PDB file of N, CA and C in Angstrom:
ATOM      1  N   MET A   1     103.579  91.166 122.158  1.00  0.00           N
ATOM      2  CA  MET A   1     102.196  91.163 122.223  1.00  0.00           C
ATOM      3  C   MET A   1     101.449  90.918 120.668  1.00  0.00           C
ATOM      4  N   LEU A   2     100.743  90.415 120.068  1.00  0.00           N
ATOM      5  CA  LEU A   2     100.124  90.451 118.961  1.00  0.00           C
ATOM      6  C   LEU A   2      99.457  91.132 118.571  1.00  0.00           C
ATOM      7  N   LYS A   3      99.313  91.164 117.287  1.00  0.00           N
ATOM      8  CA  LYS A   3      99.104  92.363 116.198  1.00  0.00           C
ATOM      9  C   LYS A   3      97.804  91.997 115.626  1.00  0.00           C
ATOM     10  N   THR A   4      96.842  92.879 114.874  1.00  0.00           N
ATOM     11  CA  THR A   4      96.318  92.316 113.585  1.00  0.00           C
ATOM     12  C   THR A   4      96.830  92.658 112.687  1.00  0.00           C
ATOM     13  N   GLU A   5      96.320  92.362 111.535  1.00  0.00           N
ATOM     14  CA  GLU A   5      96.964  93.162 110.163  1.00  0.00           C
ATOM     15  C   GLU A   5      96.713  94.617 110.186  1.00  0.00           C
ATOM     16  N   ALA A   6      95.345  95.205 110.747  1.00  0.00           N
ATOM     17  CA  ALA A   6      95.270  96.230 110.714  1.00  0.00           C
ATOM     18  C   ALA A   6      96.082  96.960 111.431  1.00  0.00           C
ATOM     19  N   GLU A   7      96.262  96.516 112.921  1.00  0.00           N
ATOM     20  CA  GLU A   7      97.280  97.298 113.541  1.00  0.00           C
ATOM     21  C   GLU A   7      98.785  97.243 113.344  1.00  0.00           C
ATOM     22  N   LEU A   8      99.148  96.395 112.277  1.00  0.00           N
ATOM     23  CA  LEU A   8     100.722  96.372 111.984  1.00  0.00           C
ATOM     24  C   LEU A   8     100.566  97.392 111.027  1.00  0.00           C
ATOM     25  N   ARG A   9      99.400  97.579 109.885  1.00  0.00           N
ATOM     26  CA  ARG A   9      99.413  98.510 109.047  1.00  0.00           C
ATOM     27  C   ARG A   9      99.415  99.769 109.522  1.00  0.00           C
ATOM     28  N   GLY A  10      98.990 100.004 110.833  1.00  0.00           N
ATOM     29  CA  GLY A  10      99.134 101.647 111.555  1.00  0.00           C
ATOM     30  C   GLY A  10     100.477 101.683 111.906  1.00  0.00           C
ATOM     31  N   ILE A  11     100.902 100.412 112.751  1.00  0.00           N
ATOM     32  CA  ILE A  11     102.700 100.381 112.906  1.00  0.00           C
ATOM     33  C   ILE A  11     103.551 100.861 111.967  1.00  0.00           C
ATOM     34  N   LEU A  12     103.175 100.325 110.786  1.00  0.00           N
ATOM     35  CA  LEU A  12     104.043 100.576 109.111  1.00  0.00           C
ATOM     36  C   LEU A  12     103.493 102.122 108.900  1.00  0.00           C
ATOM     37  N   ASP A  13     102.472 102.790 109.160  1.00  0.00           N
ATOM     38  CA  ASP A  13     102.220 104.100 108.913  1.00  0.00           C
ATOM     39  C   ASP A  13     103.074 105.125 109.763  1.00  0.00           C
ATOM     40  N   ALA A  14     102.932 104.433 110.712  1.00  0.00           N
ATOM     41  CA  ALA A  14     103.795 105.515 112.202  1.00  0.00           C
ATOM     42  C   ALA A  14     105.294 105.219 111.581  1.00  0.00           C
ATOM     43  N   PHE A  15     105.958 104.224 110.903  1.00  0.00           N
ATOM     44  CA  PHE A  15     107.461 104.184 110.866  1.00  0.00           C
ATOM     45  C   PHE A  15     107.570 104.886 109.621  1.00  0.00           C
ATOM     46  N   VAL A  16     106.428 104.862 108.300  1.00  0.00           N
ATOM     47  CA  VAL A  16     107.097 105.766 107.218  1.00  0.00           C
ATOM     48  C   VAL A  16     106.847 107.393 107.620  1.00  0.00           C
ATOM     49  N   SER A  17     105.845 107.690 108.272  1.00  0.00           N
ATOM     50  CA  SER A  17     105.563 108.940 108.984  1.00  0.00           C
ATOM     51  C   SER A  17     106.979 109.734 109.706  1.00  0.00           C
ATOM     52  N   ALA A  18     107.519 108.501 110.216  1.00  0.00           N
ATOM     53  CA  ALA A  18     108.660 108.875 111.199  1.00  0.00           C
ATOM     54  C   ALA A  18     109.980 109.350 110.139  1.00  0.00           C
ATOM     55  N   ARG A  19     109.914 109.010 109.136  1.00  0.00           N
ATOM     56  CA  ARG A  19     111.330 109.193 108.464  1.00  0.00           C
ATOM     57  C   ARG A  19     111.091 109.831 106.890  1.00  0.00           C
ATOM     58  N   GLY A  20     110.128 110.544 106.780  1.00  0.00           N
ATOM     59  CA  GLY A  20     109.989 111.281 105.790  1.00  0.00           C
ATOM     60  C   GLY A  20     109.347 110.859 104.644  1.00  0.00           C
ATOM     61  N   PRO A  21     109.755 110.934 103.432  1.00  0.00           N
ATOM     62  CA  PRO A  21     109.527 110.570 102.182  1.00  0.00           C
ATOM     63  C   PRO A  21     109.333 109.057 102.329  1.00  0.00           C
ATOM     64  N   GLN A  22     108.495 108.508 101.535  1.00  0.00           N
ATOM     65  CA  GLN A  22     108.358 107.111 101.334  1.00  0.00           C
ATOM     66  C   GLN A  22     109.575 106.031 100.939  1.00  0.00           C
ATOM     67  N   VAL A  23     110.406 107.012 100.055  1.00  0.00           N
ATOM     68  CA  VAL A  23     111.740 106.292  99.584  1.00  0.00           C
ATOM     69  C   VAL A  23     112.593 106.224 100.649  1.00  0.00           C
ATOM     70  N   ARG A  24     112.517 106.946 101.730  1.00  0.00           N
ATOM     71  CA  ARG A  24     113.653 106.426 102.833  1.00  0.00           C
ATOM     72  C   ARG A  24     113.258 105.486 103.917  1.00  0.00           C
ATOM     73  N   ALA A  25     111.632 105.435 103.633  1.00  0.00           N
ATOM     74  CA  ALA A  25     111.028 104.171 104.804  1.00  0.00           C
ATOM     75  C   ALA A  25     111.345 102.903 103.937  1.00  0.00           C
ATOM     76  N   ALA A  26     111.244 102.799 102.896  1.00  0.00           N
ATOM     77  CA  ALA A  26     110.934 101.524 101.521  1.00  0.00           C
ATOM     78  C   ALA A  26     112.907 101.502 101.836  1.00  0.00           C
ATOM     79  N   GLU A  27     113.947 102.251 101.826  1.00  0.00           N
ATOM     80  CA  GLU A  27     115.186 101.954 101.766  1.00  0.00           C
ATOM     81  C   GLU A  27     115.554 101.217 103.114  1.00  0.00           C
ATOM     82  N   ALA A  28     114.899 101.597 104.324  1.00  0.00           N
ATOM     83  CA  ALA A  28     114.973 101.076 105.932  1.00  0.00           C
ATOM     84  C   ALA A  28     114.418  99.717 105.914  1.00  0.00           C
ATOM     85  N   LEU A  29     113.591  99.496 105.054  1.00  0.00           N
ATOM     86  CA  LEU A  29     112.979  98.360 105.062  1.00  0.00           C
ATOM     87  C   LEU A  29     113.312  97.173 104.030  1.00  0.00           C
ATOM     88  N   GLY A  30     114.341  97.630 103.043  1.00  0.00           N
ATOM     89  CA  GLY A  30     114.941  97.091 102.187  1.00  0.00           C
ATOM     90  C   GLY A  30     113.743  96.538 101.014  1.00  0.00           C
ATOM     91  N   VAL A  31     112.978  97.312 100.793  1.00  0.00           N
ATOM     92  CA  VAL A  31     111.897  97.320  99.706  1.00  0.00           C
ATOM     93  C   VAL A  31     111.944  98.341  98.505  1.00  0.00           C
ATOM     94  N   SER A  32     111.409  98.189  97.498  1.00  0.00           N
ATOM     95  CA  SER A  32     111.197  99.192  96.623  1.00  0.00           C
ATOM     96  C   SER A  32     110.033 100.506  97.077  1.00  0.00           C
ATOM     97  N   ARG A  33     110.149 101.360  96.776  1.00  0.00           N
ATOM     98  CA  ARG A  33     109.461 102.524  97.073  1.00  0.00           C
ATOM     99  C   ARG A  33     107.746 101.959  96.605  1.00  0.00           C
ATOM    100  N   GLN A  34     107.855 101.732  95.478  1.00  0.00           N
ATOM    101  CA  GLN A  34     106.368 100.934  95.001  1.00  0.00           C
ATOM    102  C   GLN A  34     105.823  99.692  95.434  1.00  0.00           C
ATOM    103  N   HIS A  35     106.569  98.699  96.015  1.00  0.00           N
ATOM    104  CA  HIS A  35     106.021  97.813  97.029  1.00  0.00           C
ATOM    105  C   HIS A  35     105.509  98.456  97.957  1.00  0.00           C
ATOM    106  N   LEU A  36     106.183  99.258  98.803  1.00  0.00           N
ATOM    107  CA  LEU A  36     105.826 100.143 100.242  1.00  0.00           C
ATOM    108  C   LEU A  36     104.744 100.685 100.218  1.00  0.00           C
ATOM    109  N   ASN A  37     104.424 100.998  98.667  1.00  0.00           N
ATOM    110  CA  ASN A  37     103.441 102.094  98.484  1.00  0.00           C
ATOM    111  C   ASN A  37     102.045 101.132  98.085  1.00  0.00           C
ATOM    112  N   ASP A  38     102.220 100.010  97.374  1.00  0.00           N
ATOM    113  CA  ASP A  38     101.188  98.954  97.212  1.00  0.00           C
ATOM    114  C   ASP A  38     100.692  98.733  98.835  1.00  0.00           C
ATOM    115  N   VAL A  39     101.428  98.263  99.514  1.00  0.00           N
ATOM    116  CA  VAL A  39     101.183  97.530 100.635  1.00  0.00           C
ATOM    117  C   VAL A  39     100.379  98.812 101.590  1.00  0.00           C
ATOM    118  N   LEU A  40     100.962 100.105 102.001  1.00  0.00           N
ATOM    119  CA  LEU A  40      99.961 100.941 102.281  1.00  0.00           C
ATOM    120  C   LEU A  40      98.725 101.638 101.773  1.00  0.00           C
ATOM    121  N   HIS A  41      98.734 101.157 100.293  1.00  0.00           N
ATOM    122  CA  HIS A  41      97.248 101.699  99.893  1.00  0.00           C
ATOM    123  C   HIS A  41      96.165 100.123  99.738  1.00  0.00           C
ATOM    124  N   GLY A  42      96.898  99.155 100.479  1.00  0.00           N
ATOM    125  CA  GLY A  42      95.760  97.910 100.229  1.00  0.00           C
ATOM    126  C   GLY A  42      96.327  96.883  99.108  1.00  0.00           C
ATOM    127  N   ARG A  43      96.937  97.536  98.162  1.00  0.00           N
ATOM    128  CA  ARG A  43      97.156  96.594  96.857  1.00  0.00           C
ATOM    129  C   ARG A  43      97.824  95.067  96.989  1.00  0.00           C
ATOM    130  N   ARG A  44      98.673  95.369  98.352  1.00  0.00           N
ATOM    131  CA  ARG A  44      99.605  94.003  98.279  1.00  0.00           C
ATOM    132  C   ARG A  44      99.399  93.746  99.908  1.00  0.00           C
ATOM    133  N   GLY A  45      99.502  92.640 100.098  1.00  0.00           N
ATOM    134  CA  GLY A  45      99.477  92.381 101.529  1.00  0.00           C
ATOM    135  C   GLY A  45     100.794  92.687 102.292  1.00  0.00           C
ATOM    136  N   ILE A  46     100.550  92.782 103.648  1.00  0.00           N
ATOM    137  CA  ILE A  46     102.635  92.876 104.157  1.00  0.00           C
ATOM    138  C   ILE A  46     103.241  91.847 104.197  1.00  0.00           C
ATOM    139  N   SER A  47     104.240  92.272 103.425  1.00  0.00           N
ATOM    140  CA  SER A  47     105.445  91.412 103.002  1.00  0.00           C
ATOM    141  C   SER A  47     106.364  90.927 104.252  1.00  0.00           C
ATOM    142  N   LEU A  48     107.083  89.575 103.934  1.00  0.00           N
ATOM    143  CA  LEU A  48     108.135  89.344 105.278  1.00  0.00           C
ATOM    144  C   LEU A  48     109.015  90.580 105.182  1.00  0.00           C
ATOM    145  N   ALA A  49     109.592  90.968 104.232  1.00  0.00           N
ATOM    146  CA  ALA A  49     110.807  92.223 104.166  1.00  0.00           C
ATOM    147  C   ALA A  49     109.818  93.496 105.377  1.00  0.00           C
ATOM    148  N   ILE A  50     108.639  93.719 105.010  1.00  0.00           N
ATOM    149  CA  ILE A  50     108.247  94.567 105.518  1.00  0.00           C
ATOM    150  C   ILE A  50     107.864  94.263 107.169  1.00  0.00           C
ATOM    151  N   TYR A  51     107.180  93.096 107.434  1.00  0.00           N
ATOM    152  CA  TYR A  51     106.965  92.807 108.763  1.00  0.00           C
ATOM    153  C   TYR A  51     108.129  92.478 109.693  1.00  0.00           C
ATOM    154  N   GLY A  52     109.309  91.779 108.459  1.00  0.00           N
ATOM    155  CA  GLY A  52     110.280  91.525 109.586  1.00  0.00           C
ATOM    156  C   GLY A  52     111.005  92.673 110.140  1.00  0.00           C
ATOM    157  N   GLY A  53     111.022  94.079 108.983  1.00  0.00           N
ATOM    158  CA  GLY A  53     111.638  94.999 108.802  1.00  0.00           C
ATOM    159  C   GLY A  53     111.230  95.845 110.379  1.00  0.00           C
ATOM    160  N   LEU A  54     109.840  95.412 110.665  1.00  0.00           N
ATOM    161  CA  LEU A  54     109.206  96.346 111.571  1.00  0.00           C
ATOM    162  C   LEU A  54     109.625  95.848 113.044  1.00  0.00           C
ATOM    163  N   GLY A  55     110.123  94.219 112.686  1.00  0.00           N
ATOM    164  CA  GLY A  55     110.523  93.574 114.165  1.00  0.00           C
ATOM    165  C   GLY A  55     109.103  92.454 114.523  1.00  0.00           C
ATOM    166  N   TYR A  56     108.855  91.983 113.491  1.00  0.00           N
ATOM    167  CA  TYR A  56     107.394  91.118 113.628  1.00  0.00           C
ATOM    168  C   TYR A  56     107.891  89.781 112.944  1.00  0.00           C
ATOM    169  N   THR A  57     107.167  88.698 113.415  1.00  0.00           N
ATOM    170  CA  THR A  57     107.431  87.504 112.860  1.00  0.00           C
ATOM    171  C   THR A  57     105.729  87.127 112.297  1.00  0.00           C
ATOM    172  N   ARG A  58     105.380  86.196 111.545  1.00  0.00           N
ATOM    173  CA  ARG A  58     104.081  85.821 111.393  1.00  0.00           C
ATOM    174  C   ARG A  58     103.872  84.657 111.760  1.00  0.00           C
ATOM    175  N   GLU A  59     102.670  84.606 111.965  1.00  0.00           N
ATOM    176  CA  GLU A  59     101.980  83.569 112.728  1.00  0.00           C
ATOM    177  C   GLU A  59     100.407  83.119 112.120  1.00  0.00           C
ATOM    178  N   VAL A  60     100.173  81.791 111.923  1.00  0.00           N
ATOM    179  CA  VAL A  60      98.712  81.601 111.189  1.00  0.00           C
ATOM    180  C   VAL A  60      98.424  80.821 112.409  1.00  0.00           C
ATOM    181  N   VAL A  61      97.160  80.817 113.076  1.00  0.00           N
ATOM    182  CA  VAL A  61      96.202  80.283 113.955  1.00  0.00           C
ATOM    183  C   VAL A  61      95.316  80.009 113.207  1.00  0.00           C
ATOM    184  N   TYR A  62      94.607  78.509 113.492  1.00  0.00           N
ATOM    185  CA  TYR A  62      93.674  77.869 113.179  1.00  0.00           C
ATOM    186  C   TYR A  62      92.731  77.825 114.446  1.00  0.00           C
ATOM    187  N   ARG A  63      91.717  78.199 114.344  1.00  0.00           N
ATOM    188  CA  ARG A  63      90.446  77.750 115.452  1.00  0.00           C
ATOM    189  C   ARG A  63      89.168  77.166 114.966  1.00  0.00           C
ATOM    190  N   PRO A  64      88.624  76.219 116.121  1.00  0.00           N
ATOM    191  CA  PRO A  64      87.767  75.687 115.596  1.00  0.00           C
ATOM    192  C   PRO A  64      86.681  76.422 115.423  1.00  0.00           C
ATOM    193  N   LYS A  65      85.587  75.799 114.195  1.00  0.00           N
ATOM    194  CA  LYS A  65      84.196  76.430 113.970  1.00  0.00           C
ATOM    195  C   LYS A  65      83.436  76.046 114.988  1.00  0.00           C
ATOM    196  N   GLU A  66      82.808  77.366 115.654  1.00  0.00           N
ATOM    197  CA  GLU A  66      81.861  76.978 116.510  1.00  0.00           C
ATOM    198  C   GLU A  66      80.569  75.912 116.066  1.00  0.00           C
ATOM    199  N   GLU A  67      80.029  75.151 117.195  1.00  0.00           N
ATOM    200  CA  GLU A  67      79.478  74.218 116.606  1.00  0.00           C
ATOM    201  C   GLU A  67      78.050  74.744 116.736  1.00  0.00           C
ATOM    202  N   GLY A  68      76.964  74.407 115.381  1.00  0.00           N
ATOM    203  CA  GLY A  68      75.972  75.038 115.104  1.00  0.00           C
ATOM    204  C   GLY A  68      75.834  76.214 114.832  1.00  0.00           C
ATOM    205  N   GLY A  69      76.875  76.427 114.000  1.00  0.00           N
ATOM    206  CA  GLY A  69      77.003  78.048 113.533  1.00  0.00           C
ATOM    207  C   GLY A  69      76.462  77.831 111.939  1.00  0.00           C
ATOM    208  N   ASP A  70      77.414  76.835 111.649  1.00  0.00           N
ATOM    209  CA  ASP A  70      77.104  76.495 110.131  1.00  0.00           C
ATOM    210  C   ASP A  70      76.769  75.265 109.640  1.00  0.00           C
ATOM    211  N   GLY A  71      76.660  74.295 110.237  1.00  0.00           N
ATOM    212  CA  GLY A  71      76.078  72.913 110.377  1.00  0.00           C
ATOM    213  C   GLY A  71      77.338  72.297 109.851  1.00  0.00           C
ATOM    214  N   ASP A  72      78.851  72.789 109.916  1.00  0.00           N
ATOM    215  CA  ASP A  72      79.697  71.903 109.389  1.00  0.00           C
ATOM    216  C   ASP A  72      80.705  71.837 110.683  1.00  0.00           C
ATOM    217  N   ALA A  73      80.410  71.366 111.970  1.00  0.00           N
ATOM    218  CA  ALA A  73      81.481  71.538 112.999  1.00  0.00           C
ATOM    219  C   ALA A  73      82.381  70.415 112.873  1.00  0.00           C
ATOM    220  N   PRO A  74      83.369  70.835 112.909  1.00  0.00           N
ATOM    221  CA  PRO A  74      84.536  69.990 112.931  1.00  0.00           C
ATOM    222  C   PRO A  74      84.524  68.731 114.032  1.00  0.00           C
ATOM    223  N   PRO A  75      85.444  67.573 113.665  1.00  0.00           N
ATOM    224  CA  PRO A  75      85.270  66.105 114.264  1.00  0.00           C
ATOM    225  C   PRO A  75      85.606  66.583 115.526  1.00  0.00           C
ATOM    226  N   SER A  76      84.922  65.698 116.927  1.00  0.00           N
ATOM    227  CA  SER A  76      85.651  66.211 117.977  1.00  0.00           C
ATOM    228  C   SER A  76      87.102  64.883 118.256  1.00  0.00           C
ATOM    229  N   VAL A  77      87.975  65.675 118.841  1.00  0.00           N
ATOM    230  CA  VAL A  77      89.463  65.267 118.873  1.00  0.00           C
ATOM    231  C   VAL A  77      89.683  64.068 120.179  1.00  0.00           C
TER     232      VAL A  77
END
């Protein structure tokens, strides 16, 4: 099931809470405690090590702008 970044942060919070101190969660994910702390507090994005450690992959999705929204509609294909 697809997750938003906010949902994945919630999963990360639960992962950390289940392991006790952040240092244990960081070790389980293969990152430093500071890196994990930065992600938890929004100072860094969710890294490959973290989303991979949680069992997720990253996909980027591009969607067309709605016509008439900003006057910059994409060309028809």
